[in-house]
Amino acid sequence: MTAAEKTEQAAIEVSHLTFGFGGPANVLTDLSLDLPRGSRCLLVGANGAGKSTLLRILAGKRLVPNSGVRVIGKDPFCDGSQEITYLGTEWAQNPIVRRDIPVSRLLKTLGAERHPDRCSQLLDILDVDPDWHMHQVSDGQRRRVQILLGLLEPWEILLLDEVTVDLDVLVRADLLRFLRSETEVRGATILYATHIFDGLGGWSTHVAHIAEGTVAVVRDLITPGGFPELDEQKAIRNAQGVTNSAVLDNSPLLLVVEKWLSDDLRKLRKEGRRTLEGAVQTKWEILSENMKAFGDRYYNYWTDS
């Protein structure tokens, strides 16, 4: 496929996706999302909004029949693709990667010799020592090893689920610069779910807000006027005499996302569990109901011998 054909082909296409785990409510409901090649999209939303589930579906880790999901033109589950890389938080908790295994052996197993220059660059960016033994490193260092191994092979689609949360400030900044270069030089695409927005104001090309299992809005930071809420916040900062570009980029983005999530929370509380009379129950009232229903049984379980 030529570079021109890659540019024309959408990176991620999701149309009216509904998905659940068999419970009373779906996790994702009528969700649609289109992202162009070369984009860097932040996926923002409250805990439980469906971000991780969406990323796993896009990575081909969930079967969704007739899903209308296409990643670089393919069904990610049925067709699969080595061009898709998914990095989630569960890897660092895997007991296998907590054993006495040197990083050099992991790199050799994954074929670091096929990409010596890329491997060397990532070792420097992530400040990873090949002589580290996985049972002796910290959680942050283990996370850096995960990212190194995940980015070793060139990818077309990168799905990140909160994997930078353990990184220190300098490593995270260097990694973000590398990822930006990957999208600009190779036309690769990134969908990045995170709750940490430091340093991301001028980094992303798109922001997608997911709420209650559906994408509420997608904003475009490249097209003039494509993100009116952000433009409004920047105008306020300018009126206050703020001229530092880092502050202008980051503070307005954080304020916009905070407002979105606050609106989500207010809506959730307004539509929460209700009494027979129709009044919304507080969390304490729900807890009290659960204690009445289950407390005696649990008490008997623990005291029964």
Protein backbone atom coordinates (compact mmCIF):
# COMPACT_ATOMS: atom_id res chain seq x y z
CA MET A 1 0.00 0.00 0.00
CA THR A 2 1.39 3.42 -0.98
CA ALA A 3 1.72 6.32 1.47
CA ALA A 4 -1.10 8.13 -0.37
CA GLU A 5 -3.41 5.10 -0.02
CA LYS A 6 -2.59 4.84 3.67
CA THR A 7 -3.47 8.49 4.19
CA GLU A 8 -6.86 8.05 2.49
CA GLN A 9 -7.75 4.91 4.49
CA ALA A 10 -9.36 5.50 7.88
CA ALA A 11 -7.38 4.14 10.80
CA ILE A 12 -10.33 3.31 13.05
CA GLU A 13 -13.98 2.99 12.03
CA VAL A 14 -16.63 2.06 14.59
CA SER A 15 -20.29 2.26 13.62
CA HIS A 16 -23.16 1.82 16.10
CA LEU A 17 -21.28 -0.62 18.33
CA THR A 18 -23.20 -2.17 21.23
CA PHE A 19 -21.46 -4.59 23.58
CA GLY A 20 -22.08 -6.15 26.98
CA PHE A 21 -20.93 -9.02 29.17
CA GLY A 22 -24.37 -10.56 29.64
CA GLY A 23 -25.44 -8.40 32.56
CA PRO A 24 -28.52 -6.22 32.84
CA ALA A 25 -26.85 -3.27 31.08
CA ASN A 26 -24.51 -2.93 28.10
CA VAL A 27 -21.02 -1.53 28.56
CA LEU A 28 -21.06 0.15 25.14
CA THR A 29 -24.24 1.40 23.48
CA ASP A 30 -24.58 2.58 19.87
CA LEU A 31 -20.99 3.84 19.89
CA SER A 32 -19.51 5.37 16.73
CA LEU A 33 -15.97 6.67 16.23
CA ASP A 34 -13.92 7.46 13.11
CA LEU A 35 -10.25 8.43 13.26
CA PRO A 36 -7.99 9.29 10.30
CA ARG A 37 -4.51 7.91 9.74
CA GLY A 38 -1.80 9.81 11.56
CA SER A 39 -4.07 11.05 14.34
CA ARG A 40 -3.26 11.14 18.05
CA CYS A 41 -6.58 10.88 19.85
CA LEU A 42 -7.10 11.18 23.60
CA LEU A 43 -9.95 9.02 24.87
CA VAL A 44 -11.38 10.69 27.97
CA GLY A 45 -14.17 9.65 30.29
CA ALA A 46 -15.01 8.69 33.84
CA ASN A 47 -14.09 5.34 35.35
CA GLY A 48 -16.53 2.75 34.03
CA ALA A 49 -17.46 4.78 30.96
CA GLY A 50 -16.24 2.00 28.63
CA LYS A 51 -12.78 3.20 27.57
CA SER A 52 -10.91 -0.03 28.33
CA THR A 53 -13.63 -2.19 26.80
CA LEU A 54 -13.52 -0.18 23.57
CA LEU A 55 -9.72 -0.42 23.38
CA ARG A 56 -9.80 -4.19 23.88
CA ILE A 57 -12.39 -4.59 21.14
CA LEU A 58 -10.26 -2.50 18.78
CA ALA A 59 -7.26 -4.67 19.71
CA GLY A 60 -9.16 -7.83 18.73
CA LYS A 61 -9.38 -9.14 22.30
CA ARG A 62 -13.19 -9.36 22.28
CA LEU A 63 -15.46 -11.09 19.79
CA VAL A 64 -18.29 -8.81 18.73
CA PRO A 65 -20.34 -10.44 15.92
CA ASN A 66 -21.49 -8.04 13.19
CA SER A 67 -19.86 -5.25 15.14
CA GLY A 68 -19.19 -2.72 12.41
CA VAL A 69 -15.66 -2.34 13.81
CA ARG A 70 -12.78 -1.87 11.37
CA VAL A 71 -9.17 -1.16 12.21
CA ILE A 72 -7.07 -0.36 9.14
CA GLY A 73 -9.86 -1.86 7.08
CA LYS A 74 -10.03 -5.20 8.96
CA ASP A 75 -12.15 -6.86 11.60
CA PRO A 76 -9.61 -6.85 14.47
CA PHE A 77 -10.87 -10.11 16.01
CA CYS A 78 -11.56 -12.24 12.93
CA ASP A 79 -8.76 -10.97 10.70
CA GLY A 80 -6.23 -10.00 13.34
CA SER A 81 -3.29 -7.78 12.58
CA GLN A 82 0.34 -7.51 13.63
CA GLU A 83 0.01 -3.82 12.81
CA ILE A 84 -2.11 -3.26 15.94
CA THR A 85 -0.32 -2.86 19.29
CA TYR A 86 -2.26 -2.75 22.56
CA LEU A 87 -0.63 -1.77 25.85
CA GLY A 88 -2.79 -2.11 28.95
CA THR A 89 -2.20 -2.07 32.68
CA GLU A 90 -2.60 -5.81 33.27
CA TRP A 91 0.83 -6.78 31.87
CA ALA A 92 2.83 -5.42 34.80
CA GLN A 93 0.79 -7.56 37.23
CA ASN A 94 1.45 -10.79 35.33
CA PRO A 95 3.47 -13.13 37.59
CA ILE A 96 5.53 -14.27 34.58
CA VAL A 97 7.15 -10.84 34.23
CA ARG A 98 7.94 -10.74 37.95
CA ARG A 99 10.31 -13.70 37.75
CA ASP A 100 14.10 -13.67 37.58
CA ILE A 101 14.25 -12.88 33.86
CA PRO A 102 16.79 -10.38 32.47
CA VAL A 103 15.47 -7.68 30.15
CA SER A 104 18.07 -8.71 27.56
CA ARG A 105 16.46 -12.17 27.31
CA LEU A 106 13.00 -10.65 26.80
CA LEU A 107 14.38 -8.41 24.06
CA LYS A 108 16.10 -11.32 22.32
CA THR A 109 12.92 -13.42 22.52
CA LEU A 110 10.98 -10.64 20.79
CA GLY A 111 13.61 -10.24 18.06
CA ALA A 112 15.32 -7.00 19.03
CA GLU A 113 18.07 -7.80 16.51
CA ARG A 114 15.57 -7.17 13.68
CA HIS A 115 15.31 -3.51 14.74
CA PRO A 116 18.65 -2.62 16.36
CA ASP A 117 18.40 1.14 15.81
CA ARG A 118 14.81 1.31 17.02
CA CYS A 119 15.65 -0.84 20.05
CA SER A 120 18.62 1.36 20.93
CA GLN A 121 16.49 4.50 20.63
CA LEU A 122 13.74 3.09 22.87
CA LEU A 123 16.26 1.89 25.46
CA ASP A 124 17.51 5.47 25.73
CA ILE A 125 14.06 7.09 25.71
CA LEU A 126 12.65 4.78 28.37
CA ASP A 127 15.94 4.62 30.32
CA VAL A 128 15.86 0.82 30.48
CA ASP A 129 18.95 -1.18 31.44
CA PRO A 130 19.16 -4.52 29.55
CA ASP A 131 20.81 -6.03 32.65
CA TRP A 132 17.76 -5.42 34.83
CA HIS A 133 16.17 -8.57 36.27
CA MET A 134 12.39 -8.36 36.30
CA HIS A 135 11.96 -9.59 39.88
CA GLN A 136 14.20 -6.79 41.17
CA VAL A 137 12.75 -3.72 39.43
CA SER A 138 10.10 -1.27 40.60
CA ASP A 139 6.59 -1.06 39.13
CA GLY A 140 7.61 2.02 37.15
CA GLN A 141 10.64 0.27 35.70
CA ARG A 142 8.56 -2.80 34.90
CA ARG A 143 6.12 -0.54 33.05
CA ARG A 144 8.97 0.95 31.03
CA VAL A 145 10.07 -2.55 30.01
CA GLN A 146 6.50 -3.32 28.90
CA ILE A 147 6.36 -0.19 26.74
CA LEU A 148 9.80 -0.96 25.27
CA LEU A 149 8.75 -4.48 24.29
CA GLY A 150 5.41 -3.27 22.94
CA LEU A 151 6.91 -0.55 20.74
CA LEU A 152 9.85 -2.62 19.48
CA GLU A 153 8.07 -3.73 16.30
CA PRO A 154 6.84 -0.82 14.15
CA TRP A 155 3.05 -0.55 14.44
CA GLU A 156 0.32 1.21 12.50
CA ILE A 157 -2.24 1.44 15.32
CA LEU A 158 -1.25 1.95 18.96
CA LEU A 159 -3.90 1.53 21.67
CA LEU A 160 -2.79 2.81 25.08
CA ASP A 161 -4.80 2.20 28.25
CA GLU A 162 -3.32 4.26 31.10
CA VAL A 163 0.13 2.73 30.66
CA THR A 164 2.05 5.96 31.31
CA VAL A 165 0.66 6.39 34.84
CA ASP A 166 3.77 4.81 36.42
CA LEU A 167 6.32 6.80 34.42
CA ASP A 168 8.32 9.66 35.84
CA VAL A 169 7.99 13.11 34.28
CA LEU A 170 11.10 13.02 32.08
CA VAL A 171 10.55 9.52 30.70
CA ARG A 172 6.91 10.32 29.94
CA ALA A 173 7.85 13.54 28.12
CA ASP A 174 10.48 11.75 26.01
CA LEU A 175 8.03 8.94 25.21
CA LEU A 176 5.34 11.39 24.10
CA ARG A 177 7.82 13.09 21.77
CA PHE A 178 8.74 9.71 20.26
CA LEU A 179 5.08 8.76 19.76
CA ARG A 180 4.33 12.08 18.12
CA SER A 181 7.21 11.52 15.70
CA GLU A 182 5.85 8.06 14.86
CA THR A 183 2.53 9.57 13.76
CA GLU A 184 4.11 12.43 11.82
CA VAL A 185 6.87 10.44 10.08
CA ARG A 186 5.22 7.04 9.53
CA GLY A 187 1.55 8.05 9.49
CA ALA A 188 0.83 5.75 12.45
CA THR A 189 -2.23 6.33 14.65
CA ILE A 190 -2.64 6.46 18.43
CA LEU A 191 -5.75 6.14 20.61
CA TYR A 192 -4.73 6.94 24.17
CA ALA A 193 -7.02 6.55 27.20
CA THR A 194 -5.72 8.57 30.12
CA HIS A 195 -6.70 10.63 33.14
CA ILE A 196 -3.40 12.53 33.23
CA PHE A 197 -3.29 15.56 30.91
CA ASP A 198 0.02 17.16 31.84
CA GLY A 199 1.98 17.79 28.66
CA LEU A 200 -0.84 16.62 26.38
CA GLY A 201 -2.46 19.94 25.50
CA GLY A 202 -0.33 20.48 22.39
CA TRP A 203 0.23 16.79 21.71
CA SER A 204 -3.11 15.40 20.55
CA THR A 205 -4.86 15.97 17.24
CA HIS A 206 -8.28 14.78 18.47
CA VAL A 207 -10.13 14.33 21.76
CA ALA A 208 -12.99 11.82 22.08
CA HIS A 209 -15.27 12.01 25.11
CA ILE A 210 -16.92 8.72 26.06
CA ALA A 211 -19.82 8.78 28.51
CA GLU A 212 -22.21 6.01 29.54
CA GLY A 213 -20.82 3.68 26.92
CA THR A 214 -21.06 5.94 23.91
CA VAL A 215 -18.87 8.61 22.33
CA ALA A 216 -20.54 11.89 23.21
CA VAL A 217 -18.29 14.16 21.14
CA VAL A 218 -15.11 14.05 19.09
CA ARG A 219 -13.17 17.30 18.82
CA ASP A 220 -10.54 18.15 16.20
CA LEU A 221 -7.58 20.22 17.35
CA ILE A 222 -6.11 20.51 13.84
CA THR A 223 -8.98 22.19 12.03
CA PRO A 224 -9.59 25.83 13.05
CA GLY A 225 -12.80 25.95 15.07
CA GLY A 226 -12.80 22.16 15.49
CA PHE A 227 -12.73 22.37 19.30
CA PRO A 228 -14.88 25.37 20.33
CA GLU A 229 -14.79 24.54 24.07
CA LEU A 230 -10.98 24.61 24.03
CA ASP A 231 -10.91 27.85 22.03
CA GLU A 232 -13.20 29.41 24.65
CA GLN A 233 -10.94 28.39 27.52
CA LYS A 234 -7.85 29.65 25.71
CA ALA A 235 -9.56 32.98 25.08
CA ILE A 236 -10.25 33.27 28.81
CA ARG A 237 -6.61 32.55 29.61
CA ASN A 238 -5.45 35.09 27.04
CA ALA A 239 -7.75 37.70 28.54
CA GLN A 240 -6.09 37.03 31.90
CA GLY A 241 -2.70 37.80 30.36
CA VAL A 242 -1.43 34.21 30.21
CA THR A 243 1.06 33.92 27.33
CA ASN A 244 3.03 30.76 28.15
CA SER A 245 2.14 28.24 25.43
CA ALA A 246 2.47 25.24 27.78
CA VAL A 247 -0.06 26.76 30.18
CA LEU A 248 -2.36 27.79 27.34
CA ASP A 249 -2.29 24.26 25.88
CA ASN A 250 -2.67 22.24 29.05
CA SER A 251 -4.83 24.22 31.47
CA PRO A 252 -7.70 24.82 28.99
CA LEU A 253 -7.75 21.15 27.96
CA LEU A 254 -7.89 20.04 31.60
CA LEU A 255 -10.70 22.52 32.31
CA VAL A 256 -12.75 21.28 29.35
CA VAL A 257 -12.33 17.62 30.33
CA GLU A 258 -13.17 18.41 33.97
CA LYS A 259 -16.40 20.07 32.85
CA TRP A 260 -17.33 17.08 30.65
CA LEU A 261 -16.73 14.63 33.50
CA SER A 262 -18.56 16.82 36.01
CA ASP A 263 -21.56 16.91 33.68
CA ASP A 264 -21.36 13.11 33.34
CA LEU A 265 -21.34 12.71 37.13
CA ARG A 266 -24.28 15.06 37.65
CA LYS A 267 -26.26 13.18 35.02
CA LEU A 268 -25.37 9.82 36.57
CA ARG A 269 -26.44 11.00 40.02
CA LYS A 270 -29.66 12.43 38.64
CA GLU A 271 -30.49 9.14 36.92
CA GLY A 272 -29.19 6.88 39.73
CA ARG A 273 -31.02 4.11 41.56
CA ARG A 274 -34.42 5.27 42.73
CA THR A 275 -36.77 4.31 45.55
CA LEU A 276 -40.29 3.03 44.92
CA GLU A 277 -41.44 6.62 45.37
CA GLY A 278 -39.09 7.79 42.58
CA ALA A 279 -36.52 9.58 44.73
CA VAL A 280 -32.84 9.11 43.86
CA GLN A 281 -31.05 7.04 46.52
CA THR A 282 -27.80 8.15 48.09
CA LYS A 283 -24.81 5.77 48.17
CA TRP A 284 -25.42 5.32 51.92
CA GLU A 285 -29.03 4.29 51.30
CA ILE A 286 -27.90 1.77 48.68
CA LEU A 287 -25.28 0.42 51.09
CA SER A 288 -27.89 0.12 53.84
CA GLU A 289 -30.14 -1.91 51.53
CA ASN A 290 -27.28 -4.24 50.66
CA MET A 291 -26.41 -4.72 54.33
CA LYS A 292 -30.01 -5.61 55.10
CA ALA A 293 -30.14 -8.08 52.21
CA PHE A 294 -26.74 -9.71 52.66
CA GLY A 295 -25.30 -8.72 56.03
CA ASP A 296 -26.74 -11.55 58.15
CA ARG A 297 -25.83 -14.18 55.56
CA TYR A 298 -22.23 -12.97 55.36
CA TYR A 299 -22.05 -12.81 59.16
CA ASN A 300 -23.25 -16.40 59.50
CA TYR A 301 -20.78 -17.50 56.84
CA TRP A 302 -17.79 -16.11 58.71
CA THR A 303 -18.89 -17.40 62.13
CA ASP A 304 -20.01 -20.82 61.00
CA SER A 305 -17.35 -23.51 61.65
